[in-house]
């Protein structure tokens, strides 16, 4: 593994930890600032808003710089945001600091995905992206549980300060290991022109619909495990850690399978997701079956992430592709909001905790349809390019032959 990918993975670990660890520190932050737990819960929504706003904005501002320069600058924003969060004296200050921190999130993954592709041969592009993203999944296995424990035993401020240190380590790794020549400065006009391509919007739509299936269920995983499967509350955390292991395995496997099968793997993965969720709805009251199906669900869902991320960059057909890559990160957060909202809707109708699973199954099926369209569109585009290359070679060959005859004459 190129060491530059390790630096990107460390950054992804820090970003994943700061995004999700707040969920485990809600009571401690509420007590520390003298506000309600529900008010602190709004920090999660504020962070998501920051990601959606920051992903395209900061990426567009960074197009004129090299990927390494942009990534270092984004990590500086990340460090400052977490440091301010750690010392925030009031709830309002913490909310502002969390939004500042989130601004770097989507752009880092967007630009980082483009940089990761440049560190390996083209046939390993998806695998490189998966190695960066595995830092995000490991955050749920290691970073969030450790951060939650430290917050409970010591201080939530210490956790956020520690995450800022992870950002400093990432900066050092990027400067030491990511080659300065990784990628080149982009052209904002070309990056924006990529959004005129229907394939780009098709992939963004696929992300918002297909991955909403994940969040429609995962957003309510705790009551699903306790109320349906009958697991004691103390078992929820170990099961979520096991879920995190599954997502890590899935991300790594998806990198390899994505390079081999491309959009075909996404079509199959979304169909498998729909089947798993339908099965989950029937077997959710069995503790063993619920845990197994939940882990398999996370493994399959996260396996498709690197493939879709690489697919949107290739769909852009531009020299860089960082802007569409960042837009896809914003689309993931839209999927988060949409999935959670649809899950909440069916729960509010009194349909029970199996209802979000059926919502997820329908979303996954819709996503598989979009993935199938993306597959066919990609094949047509590849065939067209191949035909154009064939015509060009034929014309060049004819001219060379004519020139040779004329020269001999």
Protein backbone atom coordinates (compact mmCIF):
# COMPACT_ATOMS: atom_id res chain seq x y z
CA UNK A 1 0.00 0.00 0.00
CA UNK A 2 1.46 3.40 -0.93
CA UNK A 3 2.10 5.38 2.23
CA UNK A 4 0.06 8.25 0.83
CA UNK A 5 -3.01 6.02 1.17
CA UNK A 6 -2.15 5.48 4.82
CA UNK A 7 -2.17 9.25 5.38
CA UNK A 8 -5.57 9.49 3.69
CA UNK A 9 -6.89 6.60 5.81
CA UNK A 10 -5.73 8.31 9.02
CA UNK A 11 -7.58 11.44 7.97
CA UNK A 12 -10.69 9.39 7.18
CA UNK A 13 -10.43 7.78 10.63
CA UNK A 14 -10.34 11.18 12.32
CA UNK A 15 -13.26 12.49 10.27
CA UNK A 16 -15.35 9.38 10.91
CA UNK A 17 -14.64 9.54 14.62
CA UNK A 18 -15.58 13.20 14.99
CA UNK A 19 -18.79 12.67 12.99
CA UNK A 20 -20.14 9.70 14.94
CA UNK A 21 -18.62 10.01 18.43
CA UNK A 22 -21.02 12.82 19.38
CA UNK A 23 -23.84 10.25 19.29
CA UNK A 24 -22.15 8.42 22.15
CA UNK A 25 -21.40 11.57 24.16
CA UNK A 26 -24.83 13.24 24.11
CA UNK A 27 -25.46 13.04 27.90
CA UNK A 28 -21.95 14.20 28.81
CA UNK A 29 -22.05 17.20 26.43
CA UNK A 30 -25.54 18.12 27.64
CA UNK A 31 -24.43 18.06 31.29
CA UNK A 32 -21.27 20.01 30.53
CA UNK A 33 -23.07 22.83 28.72
CA UNK A 34 -26.28 22.79 30.75
CA UNK A 35 -28.60 22.02 27.84
CA UNK A 36 -30.96 19.17 26.97
CA UNK A 37 -29.90 15.96 25.26
CA UNK A 38 -32.26 16.76 22.38
CA UNK A 39 -30.52 20.11 21.86
CA UNK A 40 -27.16 18.36 21.65
CA UNK A 41 -28.74 15.91 19.21
CA UNK A 42 -29.25 18.82 16.83
CA UNK A 43 -25.45 19.03 16.55
CA UNK A 44 -25.65 15.86 14.45
CA UNK A 45 -27.97 17.61 11.99
CA UNK A 46 -25.76 20.72 12.05
CA UNK A 47 -22.77 18.58 11.12
CA UNK A 48 -24.66 17.04 8.18
CA UNK A 49 -25.58 20.52 6.94
CA UNK A 50 -21.93 21.53 7.15
CA UNK A 51 -20.91 18.53 5.05
CA UNK A 52 -23.45 19.31 2.33
CA UNK A 53 -22.42 22.98 2.21
CA UNK A 54 -18.69 22.42 2.47
CA UNK A 55 -18.25 19.57 0.01
CA UNK A 56 -18.81 21.55 -3.21
CA UNK A 57 -17.74 24.95 -1.86
CA UNK A 58 -14.29 24.11 -0.47
CA UNK A 59 -13.59 21.72 -3.34
CA UNK A 60 -14.32 24.45 -5.87
CA UNK A 61 -12.03 26.84 -3.98
CA UNK A 62 -9.28 24.21 -3.94
CA UNK A 63 -9.37 23.37 -7.66
CA UNK A 64 -6.59 25.86 -8.42
CA UNK A 65 -4.26 24.06 -6.00
CA UNK A 66 -2.70 20.61 -6.11
CA UNK A 67 -4.55 17.78 -4.32
CA UNK A 68 -1.92 17.65 -1.59
CA UNK A 69 -2.18 21.38 -0.92
CA UNK A 70 -5.97 21.17 -0.81
CA UNK A 71 -6.00 18.15 1.51
CA UNK A 72 -3.56 19.79 3.92
CA UNK A 73 -5.66 22.96 3.98
CA UNK A 74 -8.81 20.93 4.65
CA UNK A 75 -7.10 19.17 7.55
CA UNK A 76 -6.13 22.55 8.99
CA UNK A 77 -9.84 23.50 8.97
CA UNK A 78 -10.60 20.14 10.59
CA UNK A 79 -8.01 20.66 13.35
CA UNK A 80 -9.20 24.19 14.09
CA UNK A 81 -12.85 23.08 14.18
CA UNK A 82 -12.19 20.24 16.62
CA UNK A 83 -9.91 22.38 18.80
CA UNK A 84 -12.59 25.06 19.04
CA UNK A 85 -15.17 22.37 19.82
CA UNK A 86 -12.99 21.08 22.66
CA UNK A 87 -12.84 24.49 24.37
CA UNK A 88 -16.30 25.79 23.39
CA UNK A 89 -17.73 27.65 26.41
CA UNK A 90 -21.36 27.64 25.22
CA UNK A 91 -23.72 25.49 23.20
CA UNK A 92 -23.88 28.09 20.41
CA UNK A 93 -20.09 28.17 20.14
CA UNK A 94 -19.95 24.37 19.97
CA UNK A 95 -22.61 24.31 17.24
CA UNK A 96 -20.64 26.82 15.15
CA UNK A 97 -17.41 24.88 15.68
CA UNK A 98 -19.09 21.62 14.63
CA UNK A 99 -20.32 23.20 11.39
CA UNK A 100 -16.78 24.50 10.74
CA UNK A 101 -15.40 21.01 11.31
CA UNK A 102 -17.95 19.48 8.95
CA UNK A 103 -17.03 21.82 6.11
CA UNK A 104 -13.85 19.81 5.54
CA UNK A 105 -15.56 16.40 5.61
CA UNK A 106 -17.03 15.99 2.13
CA UNK A 107 -14.26 17.86 0.37
CA UNK A 108 -11.56 15.74 2.03
CA UNK A 109 -13.16 12.51 0.85
CA UNK A 110 -13.88 13.97 -2.58
CA UNK A 111 -10.37 15.26 -3.24
CA UNK A 112 -8.85 12.32 -1.35
CA UNK A 113 -10.58 9.83 -3.64
CA UNK A 114 -9.10 11.54 -6.69
CA UNK A 115 -5.64 11.60 -5.07
CA UNK A 116 -5.92 7.93 -4.06
CA UNK A 117 -6.63 6.92 -7.65
CA UNK A 118 -3.44 8.63 -8.78
CA UNK A 119 -1.27 6.60 -6.41
CA UNK A 120 -2.01 3.26 -8.09
CA UNK A 121 -2.42 1.85 -11.62
CA UNK A 122 -5.85 2.54 -13.20
CA UNK A 123 -6.98 -1.05 -12.77
CA UNK A 124 -6.67 -0.67 -8.97
CA UNK A 125 -8.46 2.69 -8.64
CA UNK A 126 -11.46 1.38 -6.70
CA UNK A 127 -9.22 -0.60 -4.37
CA UNK A 128 -7.22 2.55 -3.59
CA UNK A 129 -10.41 4.43 -2.70
CA UNK A 130 -11.51 1.54 -0.49
CA UNK A 131 -8.21 1.65 1.41
CA UNK A 132 -8.80 5.32 2.17
CA UNK A 133 -12.43 4.73 3.18
CA UNK A 134 -11.52 1.88 5.49
CA UNK A 135 -10.35 4.56 7.91
CA UNK A 136 -13.97 5.72 8.11
CA UNK A 137 -15.28 2.25 8.93
CA UNK A 138 -12.54 1.65 11.51
CA UNK A 139 -13.70 4.81 13.25
CA UNK A 140 -16.91 2.97 14.16
CA UNK A 141 -14.96 -0.07 15.37
CA UNK A 142 -12.27 1.72 17.38
CA UNK A 143 -12.61 5.50 17.44
CA UNK A 144 -16.24 5.85 18.52
CA UNK A 145 -16.22 3.20 21.30
CA UNK A 146 -12.92 4.50 22.71
CA UNK A 147 -14.10 8.10 22.46
CA UNK A 148 -17.37 7.27 24.19
CA UNK A 149 -15.53 5.49 27.02
CA UNK A 150 -13.11 8.41 27.50
CA UNK A 151 -16.02 10.88 27.57
CA UNK A 152 -17.80 8.83 30.22
CA UNK A 153 -14.73 8.33 32.38
CA UNK A 154 -12.87 11.63 31.85
CA UNK A 155 -14.20 14.39 29.57
CA UNK A 156 -15.87 14.84 26.19
CA UNK A 157 -13.61 17.84 25.65
CA UNK A 158 -10.58 15.55 25.86
CA UNK A 159 -12.08 13.39 23.10
CA UNK A 160 -12.51 16.29 20.68
CA UNK A 161 -9.04 17.56 21.54
CA UNK A 162 -7.63 14.12 20.79
CA UNK A 163 -9.36 14.11 17.41
CA UNK A 164 -7.67 17.43 16.64
CA UNK A 165 -4.34 15.68 17.31
CA UNK A 166 -5.32 12.98 14.79
CA UNK A 167 -5.79 15.81 12.30
CA UNK A 168 -2.25 17.04 13.01
CA UNK A 169 -0.90 13.52 12.44
CA UNK A 170 -2.77 13.43 9.13
CA UNK A 171 -1.19 16.71 8.05
CA UNK A 172 2.26 15.35 8.86
CA UNK A 173 1.49 12.15 6.94
CA UNK A 174 0.22 14.03 3.89
CA UNK A 175 3.32 16.23 3.77
CA UNK A 176 5.68 13.28 4.27
CA UNK A 177 4.02 10.53 2.23
CA UNK A 178 1.70 12.01 -0.39
CA UNK A 179 3.84 12.99 -3.41
CA UNK A 180 3.60 16.67 -4.27
CA UNK A 181 2.99 15.69 -7.89
CA UNK A 182 -0.06 13.52 -7.10
CA UNK A 183 -2.57 14.91 -9.54
CA UNK A 184 -2.49 18.39 -10.97
CA UNK A 185 -4.28 21.68 -10.55
CA UNK A 186 -7.71 21.47 -12.04
CA UNK A 187 -9.85 23.73 -14.19
CA UNK A 188 -12.99 24.96 -12.44
CA UNK A 189 -14.83 25.42 -15.74
CA UNK A 190 -14.06 21.84 -16.76
CA UNK A 191 -15.06 20.57 -13.32
CA UNK A 192 -18.38 22.41 -13.52
CA UNK A 193 -18.94 21.25 -17.10
CA UNK A 194 -18.86 17.67 -15.84
CA UNK A 195 -22.26 18.30 -14.26
CA UNK A 196 -23.73 18.59 -17.74
CA UNK A 197 -23.20 14.87 -18.19
CA UNK A 198 -26.27 12.78 -17.54
CA UNK A 199 -24.15 9.90 -16.25
CA UNK A 200 -22.88 12.08 -13.39
CA UNK A 201 -26.41 12.92 -12.24
CA UNK A 202 -27.40 9.30 -12.66
CA UNK A 203 -24.66 8.23 -10.22
CA UNK A 204 -25.54 11.02 -7.76
CA UNK A 205 -29.17 9.92 -7.89
CA UNK A 206 -28.10 6.33 -7.33
CA UNK A 207 -26.14 7.38 -4.25
CA UNK A 208 -29.07 9.30 -2.78
CA UNK A 209 -31.61 6.54 -3.43
CA UNK A 210 -29.59 3.35 -3.06
CA UNK A 211 -27.72 4.33 0.09
CA UNK A 212 -30.83 5.77 1.71
CA UNK A 213 -31.68 2.08 2.16
CA UNK A 214 -28.77 1.78 4.58
CA UNK A 215 -29.78 4.72 6.73
CA UNK A 216 -33.49 3.91 6.77
CA UNK A 217 -32.60 0.87 8.89
CA UNK A 218 -29.33 1.79 10.60
CA UNK A 219 -30.83 4.98 12.05
CA UNK A 220 -33.13 2.81 14.18
CA UNK A 221 -30.80 -0.12 14.81
CA UNK A 222 -30.85 0.22 18.60
CA UNK A 223 -34.64 -0.23 19.09
CA UNK A 224 -34.65 -2.89 16.37
CA UNK A 225 -32.15 -4.93 18.36
CA UNK A 226 -33.81 -4.39 21.75
CA UNK A 227 -37.53 -4.26 20.95
CA UNK A 228 -37.65 -6.78 18.09
CA UNK A 229 -34.67 -9.08 18.61
CA UNK A 230 -34.99 -8.93 22.39
CA UNK A 231 -31.32 -8.21 23.04
CA UNK A 232 -30.42 -6.54 26.36
CA UNK A 233 -29.33 -2.91 26.00
CA UNK A 234 -25.83 -3.86 27.12
CA UNK A 235 -25.44 -6.00 24.02
CA UNK A 236 -26.18 -3.20 21.56
CA UNK A 237 -22.67 -1.71 21.67
CA UNK A 238 -20.87 -5.05 20.97
CA UNK A 239 -23.28 -5.76 18.11
CA UNK A 240 -22.61 -2.32 16.61
CA UNK A 241 -18.87 -2.99 16.90
CA UNK A 242 -19.43 -6.26 15.02
CA UNK A 243 -21.42 -4.28 12.45
CA UNK A 244 -18.39 -1.99 12.12
CA UNK A 245 -16.13 -4.98 11.49
CA UNK A 246 -18.52 -6.08 8.76
CA UNK A 247 -18.45 -2.66 7.11
CA UNK A 248 -14.64 -2.71 7.18
CA UNK A 249 -14.50 -6.13 5.54
CA UNK A 250 -17.10 -5.02 3.02
CA UNK A 251 -15.20 -1.86 2.12
CA UNK A 252 -11.98 -3.79 1.48
CA UNK A 253 -13.76 -6.51 -0.49
CA UNK A 254 -15.69 -3.92 -2.48
CA UNK A 255 -12.46 -2.30 -3.59
CA UNK A 256 -11.22 -5.53 -5.16
CA UNK A 257 -14.56 -6.66 -6.59
CA UNK A 258 -15.35 -3.17 -7.88
CA UNK A 259 -12.17 -3.05 -9.95
CA UNK A 260 -13.15 -6.36 -11.49
CA UNK A 261 -16.89 -6.05 -12.02
CA UNK A 262 -17.66 -2.31 -11.84
CA UNK A 263 -21.34 -1.37 -12.05
CA UNK A 264 -22.38 -5.02 -12.32
CA UNK A 265 -21.21 -5.42 -8.72
CA UNK A 266 -23.37 -2.46 -7.62
CA UNK A 267 -26.46 -3.90 -9.32
CA UNK A 268 -25.92 -7.26 -7.62
CA UNK A 269 -25.09 -5.60 -4.29
CA UNK A 270 -28.29 -3.55 -4.19
CA UNK A 271 -30.39 -6.57 -5.12
CA UNK A 272 -28.68 -8.51 -2.33
CA UNK A 273 -29.37 -5.61 0.05
CA UNK A 274 -33.09 -5.71 -0.79
CA UNK A 275 -33.15 -9.48 -0.24
CA UNK A 276 -31.33 -9.19 3.10
CA UNK A 277 -33.71 -6.52 4.38
CA UNK A 278 -36.78 -8.49 3.33
CA UNK A 279 -35.39 -11.54 5.14
CA UNK A 280 -34.49 -9.36 8.13
CA UNK A 281 -38.11 -8.24 8.47
CA UNK A 282 -39.25 -11.86 8.87
CA UNK A 283 -36.43 -13.02 11.18
CA UNK A 284 -35.89 -9.87 13.26
CA UNK A 285 -37.39 -11.47 16.37
CA UNK A 286 -34.64 -14.07 16.45
CA UNK A 287 -31.62 -12.55 18.20
CA UNK A 288 -29.03 -14.68 16.38
CA UNK A 289 -30.62 -14.19 12.97
CA UNK A 290 -31.01 -10.44 13.56
CA UNK A 291 -27.33 -10.00 14.42
CA UNK A 292 -26.14 -12.11 11.49
CA UNK A 293 -28.40 -10.33 9.00
CA UNK A 294 -27.46 -6.91 10.34
CA UNK A 295 -23.74 -7.61 9.92
CA UNK A 296 -24.26 -9.03 6.42
CA UNK A 297 -26.39 -5.99 5.55
CA UNK A 298 -23.60 -3.62 6.63
CA UNK A 299 -20.96 -5.64 4.80
CA UNK A 300 -22.82 -5.58 1.49
CA UNK A 301 -23.93 -1.95 1.76
CA UNK A 302 -20.46 -0.60 2.48
CA UNK A 303 -18.86 -2.78 -0.19
CA UNK A 304 -20.59 -0.67 -2.84
CA UNK A 305 -19.33 2.68 -1.51
CA UNK A 306 -15.85 2.70 -3.15
CA UNK A 307 -17.31 1.46 -6.45
CA UNK A 308 -19.85 4.27 -6.63
CA UNK A 309 -17.24 6.84 -5.58
CA UNK A 310 -14.88 5.71 -8.34
CA UNK A 311 -17.78 5.51 -10.78
CA UNK A 312 -18.79 9.14 -10.37
CA UNK A 313 -15.19 10.28 -10.96
CA UNK A 314 -15.00 8.22 -14.15
CA UNK A 315 -18.42 9.49 -15.25
CA UNK A 316 -17.14 13.08 -15.09
CA UNK A 317 -14.70 12.42 -17.94
CA UNK A 318 -12.52 15.33 -16.86
CA UNK A 319 -8.86 15.56 -15.89
CA UNK A 320 -9.53 15.93 -12.16
CA UNK A 321 -13.05 15.06 -11.11
CA UNK A 322 -12.69 16.30 -7.54
CA UNK A 323 -15.85 18.44 -7.68
CA UNK A 324 -18.17 15.60 -8.72
CA UNK A 325 -16.37 13.36 -6.23
CA UNK A 326 -17.15 15.83 -3.44
CA UNK A 327 -20.73 16.18 -4.69
CA UNK A 328 -21.11 12.43 -4.26
CA UNK A 329 -20.06 12.79 -0.63
CA UNK A 330 -22.81 15.38 -0.21
CA UNK A 331 -25.19 12.91 -1.87
CA UNK A 332 -24.27 10.31 0.78
CA UNK A 333 -25.37 12.76 3.47
CA UNK A 334 -28.59 13.47 1.59
CA UNK A 335 -29.14 9.70 1.56
CA UNK A 336 -28.59 9.73 5.33
CA UNK A 337 -31.26 12.38 5.83
CA UNK A 338 -33.74 10.85 3.36
CA UNK A 339 -33.37 7.33 4.71
CA UNK A 340 -33.77 8.42 8.34
CA UNK A 341 -36.78 10.60 7.47
CA UNK A 342 -38.58 7.83 5.57
CA UNK A 343 -37.90 5.43 8.42
CA UNK A 344 -39.33 7.95 10.87
CA UNK A 345 -42.39 8.39 8.65
CA UNK A 346 -43.39 4.74 8.65
CA UNK A 347 -42.70 4.49 12.38
CA UNK A 348 -44.93 7.51 13.03
CA UNK A 349 -47.72 5.68 11.18
CA UNK A 350 -47.49 2.92 13.76
CA UNK A 351 -46.22 0.29 11.34
CA UNK A 352 -43.56 -1.04 13.72
CA UNK A 353 -39.81 -1.50 13.51
CA UNK A 354 -39.95 -3.90 10.58
CA UNK A 355 -41.41 -1.13 8.40
CA UNK A 356 -38.06 0.70 7.92
CA UNK A 357 -36.65 -2.59 6.59
CA UNK A 358 -39.30 -2.68 3.86
CA UNK A 359 -38.61 0.98 3.10
CA UNK A 360 -34.93 0.07 2.75
CA UNK A 361 -35.75 -2.89 0.50
CA UNK A 362 -37.80 -0.68 -1.84
CA UNK A 363 -35.04 1.95 -1.93
CA UNK A 364 -32.43 -0.72 -2.67
CA UNK A 365 -34.52 -2.08 -5.54
CA UNK A 366 -34.93 1.44 -6.96
CA UNK A 367 -31.18 1.95 -6.61
CA UNK A 368 -30.47 -1.32 -8.43
CA UNK A 369 -32.56 -0.05 -11.33
CA UNK A 370 -30.50 3.15 -11.48
CA UNK A 371 -27.30 1.10 -11.25
CA UNK A 372 -28.45 -1.02 -14.18
CA UNK A 373 -29.05 2.11 -16.24
CA UNK A 374 -25.57 3.37 -15.24
CA UNK A 375 -24.08 0.03 -16.31
CA UNK A 376 -25.69 0.15 -19.74
CA UNK A 377 -24.80 3.81 -20.20
CA UNK A 378 -21.19 3.12 -19.26
CA UNK A 379 -20.99 0.26 -21.75
CA UNK A 380 -22.40 2.43 -24.53
CA UNK A 381 -19.90 5.17 -23.70
CA UNK A 382 -17.02 2.70 -23.69
CA UNK A 383 -18.13 1.26 -27.03
CA UNK A 384 -18.43 4.73 -28.53
CA UNK A 385 -14.95 5.72 -27.36
CA UNK A 386 -13.53 2.46 -28.68
CA UNK A 387 -15.20 3.09 -32.05
CA UNK A 388 -13.82 6.64 -32.19
CA UNK A 389 -10.33 5.34 -31.41
CA UNK A 390 -10.71 2.71 -34.13
CA UNK A 391 -11.72 5.34 -36.68
CA UNK A 392 -8.81 7.57 -35.64
CA UNK A 393 -6.31 4.73 -35.97
CA UNK A 394 -7.72 3.83 -39.38
CA UNK A 395 -7.39 7.41 -40.59
CA UNK A 396 -3.84 7.70 -39.25
CA UNK A 397 -2.92 4.38 -40.89
CA UNK A 398 -4.35 5.52 -44.22
CA UNK A 399 -2.43 8.80 -44.08
CA UNK A 400 0.80 7.05 -43.15
CA UNK A 401 0.35 4.57 -46.02
CA UNK A 402 -0.41 7.37 -48.47
CA UNK A 403 2.61 9.32 -47.27
CA UNK A 404 4.84 6.27 -47.66
CA UNK A 405 3.62 5.67 -51.21
CA UNK A 406 4.14 9.31 -52.09
CA UNK A 407 7.63 9.23 -50.62
CA UNK A 408 8.57 6.07 -52.54
CA UNK A 409 7.20 7.61 -55.70
